[in-house]
């Protein structure tokens, strides 16, 4: 069983300035819940109960959100507002939340490596990027789908989706042999390639299951684009040594790190979730 989920959340969120000047981008709300809570709920549904977060300066709101607020709870106790805390209380009561800081922004690979002290190096773990908001109203959440796949193949897995060719330069992109419908054995992986050099239009989104040997690989991975340690480079090394799968997940993904995606997610959740209540 995969019990630990890592949330890299140290970025500055500059695309949402000035809103993110004092508020972590992971705390931006889609309706009444912050992005990171959607991610934690997805991880919990998948069987994780240890939520490990890589934070940075100015991110205390994340820690406070997943903690009791005695003054607030006292004020709303016995009122109709008390039920609004039911979901977050359930997470606080059933999950353990741990934190460490990434002092320098040196890439997703470095952020994941910093999480070694939280998730350990003896068991597989999940990774969720909170600004990739995923929903599957017709079945299991994306991470739960991936956990089931891991139980069969016992290797690292990345969630992938098709994107327009002119958008591939914003993603890590894979190519590989389709061994089952929607499941690819990866043979190439490139971080933010030019459109004419991309190995395919299958882009990695912010859901990973990683085996613990990834830490030693990251440790020996040299900085790539922009001087950052890319998780795609580490995963490519892992794929050459063994097997890494790309999984075309069932459901819908919103890029809430962009304004367009954030607005799209807000409208979707309002029209498809809120109005059904």
C-alpha atoms as a PDB file:
ATOM      1  CA  UNK A   1       0.000   0.000   0.000  1.00  0.00           C
ATOM      2  CA  UNK A   2       1.132   3.551  -0.763  1.00  0.00           C
ATOM      3  CA  UNK A   3       0.602   5.541   2.412  1.00  0.00           C
ATOM      4  CA  UNK A   4       2.648   8.686   1.820  1.00  0.00           C
ATOM      5  CA  UNK A   5       1.944  11.542  -0.566  1.00  0.00           C
ATOM      6  CA  UNK A   6       4.373  14.406  -1.181  1.00  0.00           C
ATOM      7  CA  UNK A   7       3.139  17.894  -2.058  1.00  0.00           C
ATOM      8  CA  UNK A   8       5.823  20.195  -3.510  1.00  0.00           C
ATOM      9  CA  UNK A   9       4.503  23.647  -2.555  1.00  0.00           C
ATOM     10  CA  UNK A  10       7.479  25.956  -2.305  1.00  0.00           C
ATOM     11  CA  UNK A  11       6.981  27.915  -5.551  1.00  0.00           C
ATOM     12  CA  UNK A  12       6.252  31.628  -5.632  1.00  0.00           C
ATOM     13  CA  UNK A  13       3.144  31.496  -7.829  1.00  0.00           C
ATOM     14  CA  UNK A  14       4.277  34.537  -9.802  1.00  0.00           C
ATOM     15  CA  UNK A  15       1.606  34.092 -12.484  1.00  0.00           C
ATOM     16  CA  UNK A  16      -0.998  35.091  -9.895  1.00  0.00           C
ATOM     17  CA  UNK A  17       0.667  38.189  -8.519  1.00  0.00           C
ATOM     18  CA  UNK A  18      -0.326  40.268  -6.659  1.00  0.00           C
ATOM     19  CA  UNK A  19      -2.781  37.741  -5.158  1.00  0.00           C
ATOM     20  CA  UNK A  20       0.118  35.413  -4.262  1.00  0.00           C
ATOM     21  CA  UNK A  21       2.311  38.124  -2.772  1.00  0.00           C
ATOM     22  CA  UNK A  22       1.175  37.124   0.732  1.00  0.00           C
ATOM     23  CA  UNK A  23      -0.955  34.017  -0.013  1.00  0.00           C
ATOM     24  CA  UNK A  24       0.484  30.674  -1.160  1.00  0.00           C
ATOM     25  CA  UNK A  25      -0.810  29.778  -4.620  1.00  0.00           C
ATOM     26  CA  UNK A  26      -1.783  26.387  -3.179  1.00  0.00           C
ATOM     27  CA  UNK A  27      -4.263  28.220  -0.941  1.00  0.00           C
ATOM     28  CA  UNK A  28      -6.091  29.913  -3.811  1.00  0.00           C
ATOM     29  CA  UNK A  29      -9.703  28.739  -3.569  1.00  0.00           C
ATOM     30  CA  UNK A  30     -11.780  26.907  -6.119  1.00  0.00           C
ATOM     31  CA  UNK A  31     -15.189  27.815  -4.708  1.00  0.00           C
ATOM     32  CA  UNK A  32     -14.839  27.268  -0.942  1.00  0.00           C
ATOM     33  CA  UNK A  33     -11.782  24.987  -0.790  1.00  0.00           C
ATOM     34  CA  UNK A  34      -8.122  25.779  -1.449  1.00  0.00           C
ATOM     35  CA  UNK A  35      -6.323  23.916  -4.209  1.00  0.00           C
ATOM     36  CA  UNK A  36      -4.159  21.916  -1.831  1.00  0.00           C
ATOM     37  CA  UNK A  37      -7.189  20.542   0.017  1.00  0.00           C
ATOM     38  CA  UNK A  38      -8.489  19.053  -3.238  1.00  0.00           C
ATOM     39  CA  UNK A  39      -5.103  17.362  -3.628  1.00  0.00           C
ATOM     40  CA  UNK A  40      -5.080  16.035  -0.069  1.00  0.00           C
ATOM     41  CA  UNK A  41      -8.614  14.670  -0.527  1.00  0.00           C
ATOM     42  CA  UNK A  42      -7.504  12.898  -3.706  1.00  0.00           C
ATOM     43  CA  UNK A  43      -4.502  11.388  -1.909  1.00  0.00           C
ATOM     44  CA  UNK A  44      -6.663  10.288   1.017  1.00  0.00           C
ATOM     45  CA  UNK A  45      -9.140   8.618  -1.351  1.00  0.00           C
ATOM     46  CA  UNK A  46      -6.173   6.720  -2.840  1.00  0.00           C
ATOM     47  CA  UNK A  47      -5.229   5.303   0.586  1.00  0.00           C
ATOM     48  CA  UNK A  48      -2.603   7.806   1.731  1.00  0.00           C
ATOM     49  CA  UNK A  49      -2.698   9.021   5.320  1.00  0.00           C
ATOM     50  CA  UNK A  50       0.674  10.756   5.614  1.00  0.00           C
ATOM     51  CA  UNK A  51       0.678  14.079   3.785  1.00  0.00           C
ATOM     52  CA  UNK A  52       4.187  15.501   3.416  1.00  0.00           C
ATOM     53  CA  UNK A  53       4.526  19.071   2.156  1.00  0.00           C
ATOM     54  CA  UNK A  54       7.587  20.891   0.832  1.00  0.00           C
ATOM     55  CA  UNK A  55       7.036  24.506   1.775  1.00  0.00           C
ATOM     56  CA  UNK A  56       8.965  27.752   1.580  1.00  0.00           C
ATOM     57  CA  UNK A  57       8.947  31.222   3.055  1.00  0.00           C
ATOM     58  CA  UNK A  58       5.491  32.730   3.360  1.00  0.00           C
ATOM     59  CA  UNK A  59       3.685  29.376   3.302  1.00  0.00           C
ATOM     60  CA  UNK A  60       2.436  29.186   6.892  1.00  0.00           C
ATOM     61  CA  UNK A  61      -1.171  29.380   5.736  1.00  0.00           C
ATOM     62  CA  UNK A  62      -0.872  25.795   4.452  1.00  0.00           C
ATOM     63  CA  UNK A  63       0.239  24.545   7.864  1.00  0.00           C
ATOM     64  CA  UNK A  64      -2.511  26.502   9.601  1.00  0.00           C
ATOM     65  CA  UNK A  65      -5.189  25.212   7.228  1.00  0.00           C
ATOM     66  CA  UNK A  66      -4.513  21.596   8.184  1.00  0.00           C
ATOM     67  CA  UNK A  67      -4.707  22.320  11.898  1.00  0.00           C
ATOM     68  CA  UNK A  68      -7.460  23.097  14.384  1.00  0.00           C
ATOM     69  CA  UNK A  69      -8.559  26.707  14.791  1.00  0.00           C
ATOM     70  CA  UNK A  70      -9.924  26.771  18.322  1.00  0.00           C
ATOM     71  CA  UNK A  71     -11.185  30.350  18.239  1.00  0.00           C
ATOM     72  CA  UNK A  72     -13.029  29.850  14.939  1.00  0.00           C
ATOM     73  CA  UNK A  73     -14.516  26.529  16.056  1.00  0.00           C
ATOM     74  CA  UNK A  74     -15.698  28.092  19.295  1.00  0.00           C
ATOM     75  CA  UNK A  75     -17.384  30.950  17.432  1.00  0.00           C
ATOM     76  CA  UNK A  76     -19.357  28.730  15.031  1.00  0.00           C
ATOM     77  CA  UNK A  77     -20.066  25.813  17.377  1.00  0.00           C
ATOM     78  CA  UNK A  78     -23.757  24.923  17.300  1.00  0.00           C
ATOM     79  CA  UNK A  79     -24.487  27.141  14.282  1.00  0.00           C
ATOM     80  CA  UNK A  80     -25.297  26.230  10.688  1.00  0.00           C
ATOM     81  CA  UNK A  81     -21.718  27.191   9.737  1.00  0.00           C
ATOM     82  CA  UNK A  82     -20.215  24.324  11.766  1.00  0.00           C
ATOM     83  CA  UNK A  83     -20.988  21.796   9.030  1.00  0.00           C
ATOM     84  CA  UNK A  84     -18.764  23.723   6.613  1.00  0.00           C
ATOM     85  CA  UNK A  85     -15.723  22.384   8.482  1.00  0.00           C
ATOM     86  CA  UNK A  86     -16.772  18.727   8.275  1.00  0.00           C
ATOM     87  CA  UNK A  87     -14.488  17.804   5.357  1.00  0.00           C
ATOM     88  CA  UNK A  88     -11.360  19.526   6.648  1.00  0.00           C
ATOM     89  CA  UNK A  89     -11.922  18.140  10.165  1.00  0.00           C
ATOM     90  CA  UNK A  90     -12.099  14.616   8.712  1.00  0.00           C
ATOM     91  CA  UNK A  91      -8.735  15.098   7.008  1.00  0.00           C
ATOM     92  CA  UNK A  92      -7.140  16.526  10.159  1.00  0.00           C
ATOM     93  CA  UNK A  93      -8.433  13.619  12.231  1.00  0.00           C
ATOM     94  CA  UNK A  94      -7.371  10.836   9.858  1.00  0.00           C
ATOM     95  CA  UNK A  95      -4.125  12.124   8.328  1.00  0.00           C
ATOM     96  CA  UNK A  96      -0.693  13.073   9.625  1.00  0.00           C
ATOM     97  CA  UNK A  97       0.725  16.286   8.149  1.00  0.00           C
ATOM     98  CA  UNK A  98       4.469  16.867   8.002  1.00  0.00           C
ATOM     99  CA  UNK A  99       6.491  19.728   6.546  1.00  0.00           C
ATOM    100  CA  UNK A 100       9.974  20.735   5.502  1.00  0.00           C
ATOM    101  CA  UNK A 101      11.306  23.699   3.534  1.00  0.00           C
ATOM    102  CA  UNK A 102      12.960  24.036   0.160  1.00  0.00           C
ATOM    103  CA  UNK A 103      15.171  27.063   0.751  1.00  0.00           C
ATOM    104  CA  UNK A 104      16.106  27.570  -2.917  1.00  0.00           C
ATOM    105  CA  UNK A 105      13.944  26.994  -5.981  1.00  0.00           C
ATOM    106  CA  UNK A 106      16.077  24.443  -7.810  1.00  0.00           C
ATOM    107  CA  UNK A 107      13.437  22.472  -9.661  1.00  0.00           C
ATOM    108  CA  UNK A 108      10.858  19.782  -9.019  1.00  0.00           C
ATOM    109  CA  UNK A 109      13.520  17.098  -8.775  1.00  0.00           C
ATOM    110  CA  UNK A 110      15.209  18.991  -5.945  1.00  0.00           C
ATOM    111  CA  UNK A 111      11.868  19.564  -4.194  1.00  0.00           C
ATOM    112  CA  UNK A 112      11.106  15.843  -4.302  1.00  0.00           C
ATOM    113  CA  UNK A 113      14.594  15.059  -3.013  1.00  0.00           C
ATOM    114  CA  UNK A 114      13.983  17.397  -0.069  1.00  0.00           C
ATOM    115  CA  UNK A 115      10.945  15.254   0.732  1.00  0.00           C
ATOM    116  CA  UNK A 116      13.116  12.226   1.458  1.00  0.00           C
ATOM    117  CA  UNK A 117      13.235  13.165   5.150  1.00  0.00           C
ATOM    118  CA  UNK A 118       9.416  13.074   5.234  1.00  0.00           C
ATOM    119  CA  UNK A 119       8.521  10.032   3.136  1.00  0.00           C
ATOM    120  CA  UNK A 120      11.609   7.899   3.790  1.00  0.00           C
ATOM    121  CA  UNK A 121      13.562   5.850   1.279  1.00  0.00           C
ATOM    122  CA  UNK A 122      12.166   2.372   1.857  1.00  0.00           C
ATOM    123  CA  UNK A 123       8.715   2.481   0.258  1.00  0.00           C
ATOM    124  CA  UNK A 124       6.998   3.899  -2.839  1.00  0.00           C
ATOM    125  CA  UNK A 125       5.216   7.215  -2.463  1.00  0.00           C
ATOM    126  CA  UNK A 126       2.906   9.489  -4.418  1.00  0.00           C
ATOM    127  CA  UNK A 127       3.473  13.076  -5.559  1.00  0.00           C
ATOM    128  CA  UNK A 128       0.702  15.590  -6.234  1.00  0.00           C
ATOM    129  CA  UNK A 129       1.195  19.073  -7.648  1.00  0.00           C
ATOM    130  CA  UNK A 130      -1.746  20.969  -6.167  1.00  0.00           C
ATOM    131  CA  UNK A 131      -2.111  23.439  -9.032  1.00  0.00           C
ATOM    132  CA  UNK A 132      -2.945  20.513 -11.308  1.00  0.00           C
ATOM    133  CA  UNK A 133      -6.522  20.005 -10.153  1.00  0.00           C
ATOM    134  CA  UNK A 134      -7.959  16.669 -11.286  1.00  0.00           C
ATOM    135  CA  UNK A 135     -11.503  15.361 -11.070  1.00  0.00           C
ATOM    136  CA  UNK A 136     -13.197  12.176 -12.212  1.00  0.00           C
ATOM    137  CA  UNK A 137     -16.906  12.380 -11.348  1.00  0.00           C
ATOM    138  CA  UNK A 138     -17.583   8.982 -12.920  1.00  0.00           C
ATOM    139  CA  UNK A 139     -15.165   6.890 -10.856  1.00  0.00           C
ATOM    140  CA  UNK A 140     -11.894   6.737  -8.950  1.00  0.00           C
ATOM    141  CA  UNK A 141      -9.727   9.816  -8.611  1.00  0.00           C
ATOM    142  CA  UNK A 142      -6.567   9.978 -10.706  1.00  0.00           C
ATOM    143  CA  UNK A 143      -4.182   8.986  -7.914  1.00  0.00           C
ATOM    144  CA  UNK A 144      -6.352   6.032  -6.893  1.00  0.00           C
ATOM    145  CA  UNK A 145      -6.290   4.857 -10.511  1.00  0.00           C
ATOM    146  CA  UNK A 146      -2.491   5.061 -10.441  1.00  0.00           C
ATOM    147  CA  UNK A 147      -2.218   3.207  -7.123  1.00  0.00           C
ATOM    148  CA  UNK A 148      -4.202   0.322  -8.628  1.00  0.00           C
ATOM    149  CA  UNK A 149      -1.839   0.325 -11.598  1.00  0.00           C
ATOM    150  CA  UNK A 150       1.186   0.327  -9.278  1.00  0.00           C
ATOM    151  CA  UNK A 151      -0.159  -2.752  -7.508  1.00  0.00           C
ATOM    152  CA  UNK A 152       0.121  -4.573 -10.834  1.00  0.00           C
ATOM    153  CA  UNK A 153       3.418  -3.259 -12.206  1.00  0.00           C
ATOM    154  CA  UNK A 154       5.400  -2.177  -9.077  1.00  0.00           C
ATOM    155  CA  UNK A 155       7.283   0.623 -10.850  1.00  0.00           C
ATOM    156  CA  UNK A 156       7.284   4.413 -11.094  1.00  0.00           C
ATOM    157  CA  UNK A 157       4.268   5.857 -12.918  1.00  0.00           C
ATOM    158  CA  UNK A 158       3.535   9.313 -14.318  1.00  0.00           C
ATOM    159  CA  UNK A 159       0.096  10.586 -15.307  1.00  0.00           C
ATOM    160  CA  UNK A 160      -0.041  11.742 -18.922  1.00  0.00           C
ATOM    161  CA  UNK A 161      -2.510  13.417 -21.249  1.00  0.00           C
ATOM    162  CA  UNK A 162      -2.594  14.497 -24.869  1.00  0.00           C
ATOM    163  CA  UNK A 163      -1.982  18.207 -25.430  1.00  0.00           C
ATOM    164  CA  UNK A 164      -1.916  20.300 -28.630  1.00  0.00           C
ATOM    165  CA  UNK A 165       1.475  20.258 -30.345  1.00  0.00           C
ATOM    166  CA  UNK A 166       1.903  23.990 -29.819  1.00  0.00           C
ATOM    167  CA  UNK A 167       1.611  23.473 -26.033  1.00  0.00           C
ATOM    168  CA  UNK A 168       4.228  20.738 -25.551  1.00  0.00           C
ATOM    169  CA  UNK A 169       6.956  23.252 -24.693  1.00  0.00           C
ATOM    170  CA  UNK A 170       5.194  23.818 -21.352  1.00  0.00           C
ATOM    171  CA  UNK A 171       5.432  20.179 -20.240  1.00  0.00           C
ATOM    172  CA  UNK A 172       7.602  17.162 -19.771  1.00  0.00           C
ATOM    173  CA  UNK A 173       6.780  14.973 -22.780  1.00  0.00           C
ATOM    174  CA  UNK A 174       7.088  11.198 -23.145  1.00  0.00           C
ATOM    175  CA  UNK A 175       7.087   8.585 -25.842  1.00  0.00           C
ATOM    176  CA  UNK A 176       6.873   4.829 -25.473  1.00  0.00           C
ATOM    177  CA  UNK A 177       5.273   1.531 -26.362  1.00  0.00           C
ATOM    178  CA  UNK A 178       1.595   1.114 -25.481  1.00  0.00           C
ATOM    179  CA  UNK A 179       1.521  -2.153 -23.495  1.00  0.00           C
ATOM    180  CA  UNK A 180      -2.148  -1.855 -22.496  1.00  0.00           C
ATOM    181  CA  UNK A 181      -4.797   0.605 -23.564  1.00  0.00           C
ATOM    182  CA  UNK A 182      -3.672   3.968 -22.215  1.00  0.00           C
ATOM    183  CA  UNK A 183      -0.533   2.551 -20.526  1.00  0.00           C
ATOM    184  CA  UNK A 184       2.857   3.290 -22.076  1.00  0.00           C
ATOM    185  CA  UNK A 185       6.273   1.839 -21.271  1.00  0.00           C
ATOM    186  CA  UNK A 186       8.355   4.997 -21.536  1.00  0.00           C
ATOM    187  CA  UNK A 187      11.431   5.010 -23.767  1.00  0.00           C
ATOM    188  CA  UNK A 188      11.967   8.770 -23.999  1.00  0.00           C
ATOM    189  CA  UNK A 189      11.156  11.738 -21.819  1.00  0.00           C
ATOM    190  CA  UNK A 190      12.058  15.371 -22.530  1.00  0.00           C
ATOM    191  CA  UNK A 191      11.451  18.436 -20.372  1.00  0.00           C
ATOM    192  CA  UNK A 192       9.739  21.327 -22.198  1.00  0.00           C
ATOM    193  CA  UNK A 193      10.876  20.455 -25.733  1.00  0.00           C
ATOM    194  CA  UNK A 194      10.408  22.685 -28.738  1.00  0.00           C
ATOM    195  CA  UNK A 195       7.325  21.623 -30.675  1.00  0.00           C
ATOM    196  CA  UNK A 196       9.353  20.299 -33.621  1.00  0.00           C
ATOM    197  CA  UNK A 197      11.592  18.233 -31.314  1.00  0.00           C
ATOM    198  CA  UNK A 198       8.953  16.754 -29.009  1.00  0.00           C
ATOM    199  CA  UNK A 199       8.870  12.928 -29.001  1.00  0.00           C
ATOM    200  CA  UNK A 200       5.036  13.004 -28.954  1.00  0.00           C
ATOM    201  CA  UNK A 201       2.162  15.100 -27.652  1.00  0.00           C
ATOM    202  CA  UNK A 202       1.797  13.003 -24.472  1.00  0.00           C
ATOM    203  CA  UNK A 203       2.488  15.424 -21.633  1.00  0.00           C
ATOM    204  CA  UNK A 204       3.185  14.645 -17.979  1.00  0.00           C
ATOM    205  CA  UNK A 205       0.847  16.293 -15.484  1.00  0.00           C
ATOM    206  CA  UNK A 206       1.240  16.682 -11.732  1.00  0.00           C
ATOM    207  CA  UNK A 207       0.598  13.120 -10.534  1.00  0.00           C
ATOM    208  CA  UNK A 208       3.416  10.647  -9.885  1.00  0.00           C
ATOM    209  CA  UNK A 209       4.035   7.402  -8.080  1.00  0.00           C
ATOM    210  CA  UNK A 210       7.746   6.988  -7.423  1.00  0.00           C
ATOM    211  CA  UNK A 211       9.780   4.066  -6.168  1.00  0.00           C
ATOM    212  CA  UNK A 212      12.318   4.976  -3.451  1.00  0.00           C
ATOM    213  CA  UNK A 213      15.398   4.401  -5.624  1.00  0.00           C
ATOM    214  CA  UNK A 214      14.457   7.699  -7.299  1.00  0.00           C
ATOM    215  CA  UNK A 215      16.215   9.574  -4.484  1.00  0.00           C
ATOM    216  CA  UNK A 216      19.646   8.191  -5.303  1.00  0.00           C
ATOM    217  CA  UNK A 217      19.017   8.892  -8.997  1.00  0.00           C
ATOM    218  CA  UNK A 218      17.999  12.501  -8.278  1.00  0.00           C
ATOM    219  CA  UNK A 219      21.099  12.927  -6.120  1.00  0.00           C
ATOM    220  CA  UNK A 220      23.240  12.060  -9.143  1.00  0.00           C
ATOM    221  CA  UNK A 221      21.197  14.011 -11.703  1.00  0.00           C
ATOM    222  CA  UNK A 222      22.864  17.129 -13.068  1.00  0.00           C
ATOM    223  CA  UNK A 223      20.881  20.371 -13.424  1.00  0.00           C
ATOM    224  CA  UNK A 224      19.076  20.693 -16.751  1.00  0.00           C
ATOM    225  CA  UNK A 225      17.019  23.508 -18.233  1.00  0.00           C
ATOM    226  CA  UNK A 226      17.286  26.816 -16.336  1.00  0.00           C
ATOM    227  CA  UNK A 227      19.832  25.215 -14.014  1.00  0.00           C
ATOM    228  CA  UNK A 228      17.107  23.197 -12.293  1.00  0.00           C
ATOM    229  CA  UNK A 229      17.132  19.522 -11.333  1.00  0.00           C
ATOM    230  CA  UNK A 230      14.390  18.045 -13.479  1.00  0.00           C
ATOM    231  CA  UNK A 231      12.398  15.050 -12.267  1.00  0.00           C
ATOM    232  CA  UNK A 232      11.995  14.059 -15.929  1.00  0.00           C
ATOM    233  CA  UNK A 233      15.767  13.577 -16.233  1.00  0.00           C
ATOM    234  CA  UNK A 234      15.797  11.367 -13.140  1.00  0.00           C
ATOM    235  CA  UNK A 235      12.822   9.369 -14.381  1.00  0.00           C
ATOM    236  CA  UNK A 236      14.486   8.866 -17.758  1.00  0.00           C
ATOM    237  CA  UNK A 237      17.494   7.373 -15.988  1.00  0.00           C
ATOM    238  CA  UNK A 238      15.137   5.140 -14.023  1.00  0.00           C
ATOM    239  CA  UNK A 239      13.366   4.086 -17.226  1.00  0.00           C
ATOM    240  CA  UNK A 240      16.686   3.023 -18.784  1.00  0.00           C
ATOM    241  CA  UNK A 241      17.568   0.948 -15.720  1.00  0.00           C
ATOM    242  CA  UNK A 242      14.150  -0.647 -15.329  1.00  0.00           C
ATOM    243  CA  UNK A 243      10.647   0.503 -16.198  1.00  0.00           C
ATOM    244  CA  UNK A 244       8.623   3.706 -15.883  1.00  0.00           C
ATOM    245  CA  UNK A 245       5.036   3.842 -17.088  1.00  0.00           C
ATOM    246  CA  UNK A 246       2.963   6.678 -18.485  1.00  0.00           C
ATOM    247  CA  UNK A 247      -0.744   6.412 -17.719  1.00  0.00           C
ATOM    248  CA  UNK A 248      -3.488   8.199 -19.653  1.00  0.00           C
ATOM    249  CA  UNK A 249      -5.802   8.768 -16.719  1.00  0.00           C
ATOM    250  CA  UNK A 250      -9.578   8.852 -16.704  1.00  0.00           C
ATOM    251  CA  UNK A 251     -10.986  12.221 -15.729  1.00  0.00           C
ATOM    252  CA  UNK A 252     -10.383  15.908 -16.303  1.00  0.00           C
ATOM    253  CA  UNK A 253      -7.398  18.059 -15.387  1.00  0.00           C
ATOM    254  CA  UNK A 254      -7.314  21.816 -14.875  1.00  0.00           C
ATOM    255  CA  UNK A 255      -4.067  23.776 -15.009  1.00  0.00           C
ATOM    256  CA  UNK A 256      -4.792  26.035 -12.044  1.00  0.00           C
ATOM    257  CA  UNK A 257      -1.295  27.463 -12.269  1.00  0.00           C
ATOM    258  CA  UNK A 258      -2.641  29.524 -15.180  1.00  0.00           C
ATOM    259  CA  UNK A 259      -5.402  32.109 -15.047  1.00  0.00           C
ATOM    260  CA  UNK A 260      -7.382  30.451 -17.840  1.00  0.00           C
ATOM    261  CA  UNK A 261      -7.243  27.057 -16.141  1.00  0.00           C
ATOM    262  CA  UNK A 262      -8.147  28.540 -12.766  1.00  0.00           C
ATOM    263  CA  UNK A 263     -11.239  30.239 -14.179  1.00  0.00           C
ATOM    264  CA  UNK A 264     -12.185  27.084 -16.112  1.00  0.00           C
ATOM    265  CA  UNK A 265     -11.931  25.002 -12.912  1.00  0.00           C
ATOM    266  CA  UNK A 266     -14.007  27.494 -10.949  1.00  0.00           C
ATOM    267  CA  UNK A 267     -16.755  27.460 -13.561  1.00  0.00           C
ATOM    268  CA  UNK A 268     -16.661  23.659 -13.861  1.00  0.00           C
ATOM    269  CA  UNK A 269     -16.916  23.056 -10.113  1.00  0.00           C
ATOM    270  CA  UNK A 270     -19.674  25.648  -9.754  1.00  0.00           C
ATOM    271  CA  UNK A 271     -21.745  24.248 -12.610  1.00  0.00           C
ATOM    272  CA  UNK A 272     -21.133  20.554 -11.974  1.00  0.00           C
ATOM    273  CA  UNK A 273     -20.611  20.292  -8.224  1.00  0.00           C
ATOM    274  CA  UNK A 274     -22.085  23.255  -6.356  1.00  0.00           C
ATOM    275  CA  UNK A 275     -25.400  23.329  -8.212  1.00  0.00           C
ATOM    276  CA  UNK A 276     -25.948  19.615  -7.473  1.00  0.00           C
ATOM    277  CA  UNK A 277     -25.940  20.232  -3.720  1.00  0.00           C
END
